[in-house]
Amino acid sequence: MPAKATSLTRSAHEAINTLSPGDRRVLNENELAQRWGISPKTLQRWRSEGRGPKYLKLSKRVSYALEMILDFEKNALHVSTSERVTA
């Protein structure tokens, strides 16, 4: 059994180490703020209000999964000032 755990651990480390920077699955607060052209303070306020995309908080570090960002952006699409996009 220990051999299997070692091989799984080793393959997991290999998978992580082979990711290029473009393959990142999360953005930090500053990266997301820059992507959307807003202040990091706006994201902080949104988190306290329960708005914005879902986020992961480990200790003091806040990260946003790319999947959650894309989902939030999709839901924010509008056809006009009075209608949201229905997909």
N, C-alpha and C. Protein backbone atom coordinates (compact mmCIF):
# COMPACT_ATOMS: atom_id res chain seq x y z
N MET A 1 0.81 -1.21 0.00
CA MET A 1 0.00 0.00 0.00
C MET A 1 0.85 1.28 0.00
N PRO A 2 1.90 1.41 0.81
CA PRO A 2 2.68 2.63 0.80
C PRO A 2 3.24 2.96 -0.57
N ALA A 3 3.58 1.94 -1.37
CA ALA A 3 4.11 2.20 -2.71
C ALA A 3 3.08 2.93 -3.57
N LYS A 4 1.81 2.55 -3.44
CA LYS A 4 0.77 3.22 -4.22
C LYS A 4 0.63 4.67 -3.79
N ALA A 5 0.65 4.93 -2.50
CA ALA A 5 0.53 6.30 -2.01
C ALA A 5 1.69 7.14 -2.53
N THR A 6 2.89 6.57 -2.54
CA THR A 6 4.05 7.29 -3.04
C THR A 6 3.91 7.59 -4.52
N SER A 7 3.46 6.61 -5.30
CA SER A 7 3.33 6.84 -6.74
C SER A 7 2.23 7.87 -7.03
N LEU A 8 1.15 7.84 -6.27
CA LEU A 8 0.10 8.84 -6.46
C LEU A 8 0.61 10.22 -6.10
N THR A 9 1.33 10.30 -4.99
CA THR A 9 1.87 11.59 -4.57
C THR A 9 2.86 12.10 -5.61
N ARG A 10 3.71 11.21 -6.08
CA ARG A 10 4.71 11.61 -7.07
C ARG A 10 4.02 12.10 -8.34
N SER A 11 3.00 11.40 -8.83
CA SER A 11 2.34 11.82 -10.06
C SER A 11 1.59 13.14 -9.85
N ALA A 12 1.04 13.36 -8.67
CA ALA A 12 0.37 14.63 -8.39
C ALA A 12 1.37 15.77 -8.44
N HIS A 13 2.54 15.56 -7.85
CA HIS A 13 3.58 16.59 -7.88
C HIS A 13 4.05 16.84 -9.31
N GLU A 14 4.18 15.79 -10.09
CA GLU A 14 4.60 15.95 -11.48
C GLU A 14 3.56 16.76 -12.25
N ALA A 15 2.28 16.49 -12.01
CA ALA A 15 1.21 17.22 -12.71
C ALA A 15 1.24 18.70 -12.34
N ILE A 16 1.46 18.99 -11.08
CA ILE A 16 1.51 20.39 -10.64
C ILE A 16 2.72 21.08 -11.23
N ASN A 17 3.85 20.41 -11.22
CA ASN A 17 5.08 21.01 -11.71
C ASN A 17 5.10 21.20 -13.22
N THR A 18 4.27 20.48 -13.96
CA THR A 18 4.26 20.62 -15.41
C THR A 18 3.29 21.69 -15.89
N LEU A 19 2.51 22.28 -14.99
CA LEU A 19 1.60 23.35 -15.39
C LEU A 19 2.40 24.59 -15.76
N SER A 20 2.10 25.17 -16.89
CA SER A 20 2.74 26.43 -17.26
C SER A 20 1.96 27.56 -16.62
N PRO A 21 2.54 28.76 -16.52
CA PRO A 21 1.82 29.88 -15.90
C PRO A 21 0.48 30.17 -16.55
N GLY A 22 0.34 29.89 -17.85
CA GLY A 22 -0.94 30.11 -18.54
C GLY A 22 -2.02 29.12 -18.14
N ASP A 23 -1.63 28.03 -17.48
CA ASP A 23 -2.57 26.99 -17.08
C ASP A 23 -3.13 27.21 -15.67
N ARG A 24 -2.83 28.33 -15.06
CA ARG A 24 -3.30 28.58 -13.71
C ARG A 24 -4.80 28.51 -13.65
N ARG A 25 -5.31 27.97 -12.56
CA ARG A 25 -6.74 27.78 -12.40
C ARG A 25 -7.36 28.82 -11.47
N VAL A 26 -6.55 29.70 -10.88
CA VAL A 26 -7.06 30.71 -9.95
C VAL A 26 -6.39 32.06 -10.22
N LEU A 27 -7.09 33.11 -9.85
CA LEU A 27 -6.53 34.46 -9.88
C LEU A 27 -6.60 35.02 -8.46
N ASN A 28 -5.62 35.82 -8.10
CA ASN A 28 -5.71 36.48 -6.80
C ASN A 28 -6.53 37.77 -6.95
N GLU A 29 -6.76 38.42 -5.85
CA GLU A 29 -7.61 39.62 -5.83
C GLU A 29 -7.11 40.71 -6.78
N ASN A 30 -5.82 40.96 -6.77
CA ASN A 30 -5.26 42.01 -7.62
C ASN A 30 -5.37 41.66 -9.10
N GLU A 31 -5.16 40.40 -9.44
CA GLU A 31 -5.26 39.97 -10.84
C GLU A 31 -6.69 40.09 -11.35
N LEU A 32 -7.67 39.71 -10.52
CA LEU A 32 -9.06 39.83 -10.94
C LEU A 32 -9.47 41.30 -11.06
N ALA A 33 -9.03 42.11 -10.12
CA ALA A 33 -9.35 43.54 -10.19
C ALA A 33 -8.77 44.14 -11.47
N GLN A 34 -7.57 43.75 -11.83
CA GLN A 34 -6.96 44.25 -13.06
C GLN A 34 -7.71 43.74 -14.29
N ARG A 35 -8.13 42.49 -14.27
CA ARG A 35 -8.88 41.90 -15.39
C ARG A 35 -10.16 42.69 -15.65
N TRP A 36 -10.84 43.08 -14.58
CA TRP A 36 -12.11 43.78 -14.72
C TRP A 36 -11.98 45.30 -14.69
N GLY A 37 -10.79 45.81 -14.45
CA GLY A 37 -10.59 47.26 -14.42
C GLY A 37 -11.27 47.92 -13.23
N ILE A 38 -11.28 47.21 -12.10
CA ILE A 38 -11.86 47.77 -10.87
C ILE A 38 -10.80 47.73 -9.77
N SER A 39 -11.11 48.34 -8.67
CA SER A 39 -10.19 48.37 -7.53
C SER A 39 -10.28 47.07 -6.73
N PRO A 40 -9.17 46.62 -6.17
CA PRO A 40 -9.23 45.48 -5.25
C PRO A 40 -10.17 45.75 -4.07
N LYS A 41 -10.28 47.01 -3.68
CA LYS A 41 -11.20 47.38 -2.59
C LYS A 41 -12.65 47.07 -2.97
N THR A 42 -12.98 47.21 -4.25
CA THR A 42 -14.34 46.87 -4.70
C THR A 42 -14.60 45.39 -4.49
N LEU A 43 -13.63 44.54 -4.84
CA LEU A 43 -13.78 43.09 -4.61
C LEU A 43 -13.90 42.79 -3.12
N GLN A 44 -13.14 43.48 -2.30
CA GLN A 44 -13.23 43.29 -0.85
C GLN A 44 -14.63 43.65 -0.35
N ARG A 45 -15.15 44.76 -0.84
CA ARG A 45 -16.49 45.18 -0.43
C ARG A 45 -17.53 44.17 -0.91
N TRP A 46 -17.40 43.72 -2.15
CA TRP A 46 -18.34 42.73 -2.68
C TRP A 46 -18.35 41.47 -1.83
N ARG A 47 -17.17 41.02 -1.40
CA ARG A 47 -17.11 39.81 -0.56
C ARG A 47 -17.86 40.04 0.75
N SER A 48 -17.70 41.21 1.34
CA SER A 48 -18.39 41.48 2.61
C SER A 48 -19.90 41.60 2.41
N GLU A 49 -20.33 41.97 1.21
CA GLU A 49 -21.76 42.11 0.90
C GLU A 49 -22.35 40.82 0.32
N GLY A 50 -21.51 39.81 0.08
CA GLY A 50 -21.99 38.57 -0.51
C GLY A 50 -22.22 38.67 -2.00
N ARG A 51 -21.56 39.61 -2.66
CA ARG A 51 -21.68 39.79 -4.10
C ARG A 51 -20.43 39.26 -4.79
N GLY A 52 -20.42 39.28 -6.10
CA GLY A 52 -19.25 38.88 -6.86
C GLY A 52 -19.14 37.37 -6.97
N PRO A 53 -18.06 36.92 -7.61
CA PRO A 53 -17.89 35.48 -7.80
C PRO A 53 -17.53 34.78 -6.49
N LYS A 54 -17.81 33.50 -6.42
CA LYS A 54 -17.40 32.71 -5.26
C LYS A 54 -15.89 32.73 -5.17
N TYR A 55 -15.38 32.66 -3.96
CA TYR A 55 -13.93 32.72 -3.76
C TYR A 55 -13.49 31.70 -2.74
N LEU A 56 -12.20 31.45 -2.73
CA LEU A 56 -11.58 30.53 -1.80
C LEU A 56 -10.69 31.34 -0.87
N LYS A 57 -10.85 31.15 0.43
CA LYS A 57 -10.01 31.86 1.38
C LYS A 57 -9.29 30.85 2.25
N LEU A 58 -7.98 30.84 2.13
CA LEU A 58 -7.12 30.00 2.94
C LEU A 58 -6.25 30.93 3.77
N SER A 59 -6.46 30.90 5.07
CA SER A 59 -5.81 31.84 5.98
C SER A 59 -6.22 33.24 5.55
N LYS A 60 -5.27 34.09 5.18
CA LYS A 60 -5.62 35.45 4.74
C LYS A 60 -5.61 35.59 3.23
N ARG A 61 -5.28 34.51 2.54
CA ARG A 61 -5.15 34.55 1.09
C ARG A 61 -6.48 34.29 0.41
N VAL A 62 -6.87 35.19 -0.47
CA VAL A 62 -8.13 35.06 -1.23
C VAL A 62 -7.79 34.73 -2.67
N SER A 63 -8.44 33.70 -3.21
CA SER A 63 -8.26 33.30 -4.60
C SER A 63 -9.62 33.10 -5.25
N TYR A 64 -9.66 33.38 -6.53
CA TYR A 64 -10.88 33.18 -7.30
C TYR A 64 -10.60 32.13 -8.37
N ALA A 65 -11.37 31.04 -8.36
CA ALA A 65 -11.22 30.00 -9.37
C ALA A 65 -11.65 30.55 -10.72
N LEU A 66 -10.87 30.26 -11.75
CA LEU A 66 -11.18 30.76 -13.08
C LEU A 66 -12.57 30.33 -13.52
N GLU A 67 -12.98 29.13 -13.15
CA GLU A 67 -14.31 28.63 -13.49
C GLU A 67 -15.40 29.53 -12.88
N MET A 68 -15.21 29.96 -11.64
CA MET A 68 -16.20 30.83 -10.98
C MET A 68 -16.22 32.22 -11.62
N ILE A 69 -15.05 32.70 -12.02
CA ILE A 69 -14.95 34.01 -12.67
C ILE A 69 -15.71 33.98 -14.00
N LEU A 70 -15.46 32.95 -14.80
CA LEU A 70 -16.13 32.84 -16.10
C LEU A 70 -17.64 32.69 -15.94
N ASP A 71 -18.07 31.93 -14.93
CA ASP A 71 -19.50 31.77 -14.66
C ASP A 71 -20.12 33.10 -14.26
N PHE A 72 -19.45 33.86 -13.40
CA PHE A 72 -19.95 35.16 -12.97
C PHE A 72 -20.04 36.12 -14.16
N GLU A 73 -19.01 36.11 -15.01
CA GLU A 73 -19.03 36.98 -16.19
C GLU A 73 -20.18 36.60 -17.13
N LYS A 74 -20.40 35.31 -17.31
CA LYS A 74 -21.49 34.85 -18.18
C LYS A 74 -22.84 35.33 -17.65
N ASN A 75 -23.03 35.25 -16.32
CA ASN A 75 -24.29 35.68 -15.72
C ASN A 75 -24.46 37.19 -15.72
N ALA A 76 -23.38 37.92 -15.93
CA ALA A 76 -23.45 39.39 -15.93
C ALA A 76 -23.72 39.96 -17.33
N LEU A 77 -23.79 39.10 -18.35
CA LEU A 77 -24.03 39.58 -19.71
C LEU A 77 -25.44 40.15 -19.85
N HIS A 78 -25.53 41.25 -20.58
CA HIS A 78 -26.82 41.91 -20.84
C HIS A 78 -27.00 42.12 -22.33
N VAL A 79 -28.22 42.01 -22.81
CA VAL A 79 -28.56 42.30 -24.19
C VAL A 79 -28.79 43.81 -24.34
N SER A 80 -29.48 44.36 -23.37
CA SER A 80 -29.76 45.80 -23.34
C SER A 80 -29.76 46.23 -21.88
N THR A 81 -30.06 47.48 -21.64
CA THR A 81 -30.08 47.97 -20.27
C THR A 81 -31.22 47.36 -19.46
N SER A 82 -32.20 46.78 -20.15
CA SER A 82 -33.35 46.22 -19.44
C SER A 82 -33.37 44.69 -19.42
N GLU A 83 -32.49 44.03 -20.18
CA GLU A 83 -32.53 42.58 -20.27
C GLU A 83 -31.16 41.94 -20.08
N ARG A 84 -31.18 40.83 -19.38
CA ARG A 84 -29.97 39.99 -19.30
C ARG A 84 -30.01 38.99 -20.43
N VAL A 85 -28.84 38.49 -20.80
CA VAL A 85 -28.75 37.46 -21.83
C VAL A 85 -29.32 36.17 -21.25
N THR A 86 -30.14 35.47 -22.03
CA THR A 86 -30.64 34.17 -21.60
C THR A 86 -29.94 33.11 -22.43
N ALA A 87 -29.33 32.18 -21.74
CA ALA A 87 -28.61 31.15 -22.49
C ALA A 87 -29.04 29.83 -21.98
